Amino acid sequence: MKTARERMWERMRTPRVMTSISLRIPESVIESLKEIAPSLGFSGYQGLIKAYISQGLRKDLENSKVRRCRQSQRACANRASRMR
């Protein structure tokens, strides 16, 4: 089984298509990101923003999968009870 570090490096080697976006973020938030980024191992605040977005997206995707699974289980149980 691969370690988390090995999986991370594998993902980083995989080429990904990138697109540029523009976000309006309060200056105070940018200053806070710049301040905390180095202590979290990031060379700049933009990488930290990407990490925060990825972390939130993974969490929401996982929650979405769990929700769909529960809905599916309820639908199956409802169908089964109607067949009785």
N, C-alpha and C. Protein backbone atom coordinates (compact mmCIF):
# COMPACT_ATOMS: atom_id res chain seq x y z
N MET A 1 0.85 -1.18 0.00
CA MET A 1 0.00 0.00 0.00
C MET A 1 0.89 1.24 0.00
N LYS A 2 0.54 2.22 -0.84
CA LYS A 2 1.33 3.44 -0.93
C LYS A 2 1.04 4.37 0.24
N THR A 3 2.07 5.10 0.63
CA THR A 3 1.90 6.08 1.70
C THR A 3 1.21 7.31 1.13
N ALA A 4 0.73 8.17 2.02
CA ALA A 4 0.09 9.41 1.59
C ALA A 4 1.07 10.27 0.80
N ARG A 5 2.33 10.27 1.22
CA ARG A 5 3.35 11.06 0.52
C ARG A 5 3.57 10.53 -0.90
N GLU A 6 3.61 9.20 -1.05
CA GLU A 6 3.79 8.61 -2.38
C GLU A 6 2.60 8.92 -3.28
N ARG A 7 1.39 8.86 -2.72
CA ARG A 7 0.20 9.20 -3.51
C ARG A 7 0.22 10.66 -3.93
N MET A 8 0.66 11.54 -3.03
CA MET A 8 0.73 12.96 -3.34
C MET A 8 1.70 13.20 -4.49
N TRP A 9 2.89 12.60 -4.42
CA TRP A 9 3.88 12.80 -5.48
C TRP A 9 3.40 12.23 -6.80
N GLU A 10 2.65 11.14 -6.74
CA GLU A 10 2.10 10.56 -7.96
C GLU A 10 1.10 11.52 -8.60
N ARG A 11 0.24 12.13 -7.78
CA ARG A 11 -0.72 13.10 -8.31
C ARG A 11 -0.01 14.31 -8.89
N MET A 12 1.07 14.73 -8.26
CA MET A 12 1.80 15.91 -8.73
C MET A 12 2.49 15.65 -10.07
N ARG A 13 2.87 14.41 -10.34
CA ARG A 13 3.53 14.07 -11.61
C ARG A 13 2.54 14.02 -12.76
N THR A 14 1.27 13.81 -12.45
CA THR A 14 0.25 13.71 -13.48
C THR A 14 -0.06 15.11 -14.03
N PRO A 15 0.10 15.31 -15.37
CA PRO A 15 -0.18 16.64 -15.92
C PRO A 15 -1.67 16.97 -15.79
N ARG A 16 -1.96 18.19 -15.37
CA ARG A 16 -3.34 18.63 -15.22
C ARG A 16 -3.54 19.91 -16.02
N VAL A 17 -4.66 20.02 -16.68
CA VAL A 17 -4.99 21.23 -17.41
C VAL A 17 -5.39 22.29 -16.40
N MET A 18 -4.81 23.45 -16.52
CA MET A 18 -5.08 24.55 -15.59
C MET A 18 -5.76 25.69 -16.33
N THR A 19 -6.53 26.48 -15.61
CA THR A 19 -7.14 27.67 -16.16
C THR A 19 -6.95 28.80 -15.17
N SER A 20 -6.88 30.01 -15.69
CA SER A 20 -6.72 31.18 -14.82
C SER A 20 -8.09 31.73 -14.46
N ILE A 21 -8.22 32.17 -13.21
CA ILE A 21 -9.46 32.79 -12.76
C ILE A 21 -9.11 34.07 -12.02
N SER A 22 -10.10 34.87 -11.78
CA SER A 22 -9.91 36.11 -11.03
C SER A 22 -10.88 36.10 -9.85
N LEU A 23 -10.36 36.33 -8.66
CA LEU A 23 -11.19 36.37 -7.46
C LEU A 23 -11.01 37.71 -6.77
N ARG A 24 -12.09 38.25 -6.25
CA ARG A 24 -12.00 39.47 -5.44
C ARG A 24 -12.02 39.02 -3.97
N ILE A 25 -10.88 39.23 -3.31
CA ILE A 25 -10.72 38.80 -1.93
C ILE A 25 -10.27 40.02 -1.12
N PRO A 26 -10.84 40.23 0.05
CA PRO A 26 -10.43 41.38 0.87
C PRO A 26 -8.92 41.37 1.14
N GLU A 27 -8.33 42.56 1.13
CA GLU A 27 -6.89 42.69 1.35
C GLU A 27 -6.46 42.07 2.68
N SER A 28 -7.30 42.22 3.70
CA SER A 28 -6.94 41.67 5.02
C SER A 28 -6.82 40.14 4.97
N VAL A 29 -7.65 39.50 4.15
CA VAL A 29 -7.59 38.05 4.01
C VAL A 29 -6.29 37.66 3.29
N ILE A 30 -5.94 38.40 2.24
CA ILE A 30 -4.70 38.12 1.51
C ILE A 30 -3.50 38.30 2.43
N GLU A 31 -3.51 39.34 3.25
CA GLU A 31 -2.40 39.56 4.19
C GLU A 31 -2.29 38.41 5.18
N SER A 32 -3.43 37.92 5.67
CA SER A 32 -3.43 36.78 6.60
C SER A 32 -2.90 35.53 5.91
N LEU A 33 -3.32 35.31 4.66
CA LEU A 33 -2.82 34.15 3.90
C LEU A 33 -1.31 34.23 3.71
N LYS A 34 -0.82 35.42 3.36
CA LYS A 34 0.62 35.61 3.16
C LYS A 34 1.39 35.34 4.45
N GLU A 35 0.80 35.73 5.56
CA GLU A 35 1.45 35.56 6.86
C GLU A 35 1.52 34.09 7.27
N ILE A 36 0.46 33.34 7.05
CA ILE A 36 0.40 31.96 7.53
C ILE A 36 0.99 30.95 6.55
N ALA A 37 1.02 31.27 5.26
CA ALA A 37 1.47 30.31 4.24
C ALA A 37 2.84 29.69 4.55
N PRO A 38 3.87 30.48 4.87
CA PRO A 38 5.18 29.87 5.13
C PRO A 38 5.18 28.90 6.31
N SER A 39 4.41 29.20 7.33
CA SER A 39 4.38 28.32 8.51
C SER A 39 3.68 27.00 8.19
N LEU A 40 2.90 26.97 7.10
CA LEU A 40 2.23 25.74 6.68
C LEU A 40 2.98 25.04 5.55
N GLY A 41 4.16 25.56 5.21
CA GLY A 41 4.99 24.91 4.20
C GLY A 41 4.76 25.37 2.78
N PHE A 42 4.04 26.48 2.60
CA PHE A 42 3.79 27.01 1.26
C PHE A 42 4.73 28.18 0.99
N SER A 43 5.18 28.28 -0.25
CA SER A 43 6.09 29.38 -0.59
C SER A 43 5.33 30.68 -0.83
N GLY A 44 4.04 30.59 -1.07
CA GLY A 44 3.23 31.78 -1.29
C GLY A 44 1.78 31.53 -0.95
N TYR A 45 1.01 32.59 -0.94
CA TYR A 45 -0.39 32.47 -0.53
C TYR A 45 -1.26 31.79 -1.58
N GLN A 46 -0.91 31.85 -2.86
CA GLN A 46 -1.74 31.25 -3.89
C GLN A 46 -1.81 29.73 -3.75
N GLY A 47 -0.70 29.11 -3.42
CA GLY A 47 -0.69 27.67 -3.18
C GLY A 47 -1.57 27.30 -2.00
N LEU A 48 -1.56 28.15 -0.98
CA LEU A 48 -2.40 27.91 0.20
C LEU A 48 -3.88 28.01 -0.17
N ILE A 49 -4.23 28.99 -1.00
CA ILE A 49 -5.62 29.12 -1.45
C ILE A 49 -6.04 27.86 -2.20
N LYS A 50 -5.18 27.37 -3.09
CA LYS A 50 -5.49 26.14 -3.84
C LYS A 50 -5.68 24.97 -2.89
N ALA A 51 -4.83 24.88 -1.87
CA ALA A 51 -4.94 23.78 -0.91
C ALA A 51 -6.26 23.87 -0.15
N TYR A 52 -6.65 25.08 0.27
CA TYR A 52 -7.91 25.24 0.98
C TYR A 52 -9.09 24.85 0.08
N ILE A 53 -9.05 25.26 -1.17
CA ILE A 53 -10.13 24.91 -2.11
C ILE A 53 -10.19 23.40 -2.30
N SER A 54 -9.03 22.77 -2.51
CA SER A 54 -8.99 21.31 -2.70
C SER A 54 -9.51 20.57 -1.49
N GLN A 55 -9.11 21.02 -0.31
CA GLN A 55 -9.54 20.39 0.94
C GLN A 55 -11.06 20.48 1.09
N GLY A 56 -11.62 21.65 0.85
CA GLY A 56 -13.06 21.82 0.96
C GLY A 56 -13.81 21.02 -0.09
N LEU A 57 -13.26 20.98 -1.30
CA LEU A 57 -13.90 20.24 -2.37
C LEU A 57 -13.92 18.74 -2.07
N ARG A 58 -12.79 18.20 -1.60
CA ARG A 58 -12.74 16.77 -1.24
C ARG A 58 -13.77 16.45 -0.15
N LYS A 59 -13.86 17.33 0.83
CA LYS A 59 -14.81 17.12 1.93
C LYS A 59 -16.24 17.13 1.40
N ASP A 60 -16.58 18.12 0.57
CA ASP A 60 -17.93 18.21 0.03
C ASP A 60 -18.26 17.05 -0.89
N LEU A 61 -17.29 16.61 -1.69
CA LEU A 61 -17.53 15.46 -2.56
C LEU A 61 -17.79 14.21 -1.74
N GLU A 62 -17.03 14.01 -0.67
CA GLU A 62 -17.23 12.85 0.18
C GLU A 62 -18.60 12.91 0.85
N ASN A 63 -18.98 14.08 1.34
CA ASN A 63 -20.30 14.24 1.97
C ASN A 63 -21.41 13.98 0.96
N SER A 64 -21.19 14.39 -0.27
CA SER A 64 -22.17 14.18 -1.33
C SER A 64 -22.32 12.69 -1.62
N LYS A 65 -21.21 11.96 -1.65
CA LYS A 65 -21.26 10.51 -1.88
C LYS A 65 -22.02 9.82 -0.76
N VAL A 66 -21.79 10.23 0.47
CA VAL A 66 -22.46 9.63 1.62
C VAL A 66 -23.96 9.91 1.54
N ARG A 67 -24.31 11.16 1.19
CA ARG A 67 -25.71 11.53 1.07
C ARG A 67 -26.42 10.71 0.00
N ARG A 68 -25.77 10.57 -1.17
CA ARG A 68 -26.37 9.79 -2.26
C ARG A 68 -26.54 8.34 -1.86
N CYS A 69 -25.57 7.80 -1.13
CA CYS A 69 -25.65 6.41 -0.68
C CYS A 69 -26.83 6.25 0.27
N ARG A 70 -26.99 7.17 1.21
CA ARG A 70 -28.11 7.09 2.15
C ARG A 70 -29.45 7.22 1.42
N GLN A 71 -29.52 8.15 0.46
CA GLN A 71 -30.75 8.32 -0.31
C GLN A 71 -31.07 7.04 -1.09
N SER A 72 -30.05 6.44 -1.65
CA SER A 72 -30.23 5.21 -2.41
C SER A 72 -30.72 4.09 -1.49
N GLN A 73 -30.15 4.00 -0.30
CA GLN A 73 -30.57 2.97 0.65
C GLN A 73 -32.03 3.17 1.05
N ARG A 74 -32.44 4.44 1.28
CA ARG A 74 -33.83 4.71 1.63
C ARG A 74 -34.76 4.36 0.49
N ALA A 75 -34.35 4.71 -0.74
CA ALA A 75 -35.19 4.39 -1.91
C ALA A 75 -35.38 2.89 -2.04
N CYS A 76 -34.32 2.13 -1.84
CA CYS A 76 -34.40 0.67 -1.93
C CYS A 76 -35.32 0.13 -0.83
N ALA A 77 -35.21 0.66 0.36
CA ALA A 77 -36.04 0.21 1.48
C ALA A 77 -37.51 0.55 1.20
N ASN A 78 -37.77 1.72 0.64
CA ASN A 78 -39.15 2.11 0.31
C ASN A 78 -39.74 1.19 -0.75
N ARG A 79 -38.96 0.89 -1.76
CA ARG A 79 -39.42 -0.01 -2.83
C ARG A 79 -39.72 -1.39 -2.25
N ALA A 80 -38.84 -1.87 -1.40
CA ALA A 80 -39.02 -3.20 -0.80
C ALA A 80 -40.28 -3.25 0.06
N SER A 81 -40.54 -2.18 0.80
CA SER A 81 -41.73 -2.19 1.66
C SER A 81 -43.01 -2.14 0.84
N ARG A 82 -42.99 -1.47 -0.32
CA ARG A 82 -44.16 -1.42 -1.19
C ARG A 82 -44.43 -2.75 -1.86
N MET A 83 -43.40 -3.57 -2.02
CA MET A 83 -43.55 -4.86 -2.69
C MET A 83 -44.16 -5.92 -1.77
N ARG A 84 -44.17 -5.65 -0.48
CA ARG A 84 -44.69 -6.63 0.49
C ARG A 84 -46.18 -6.74 0.46
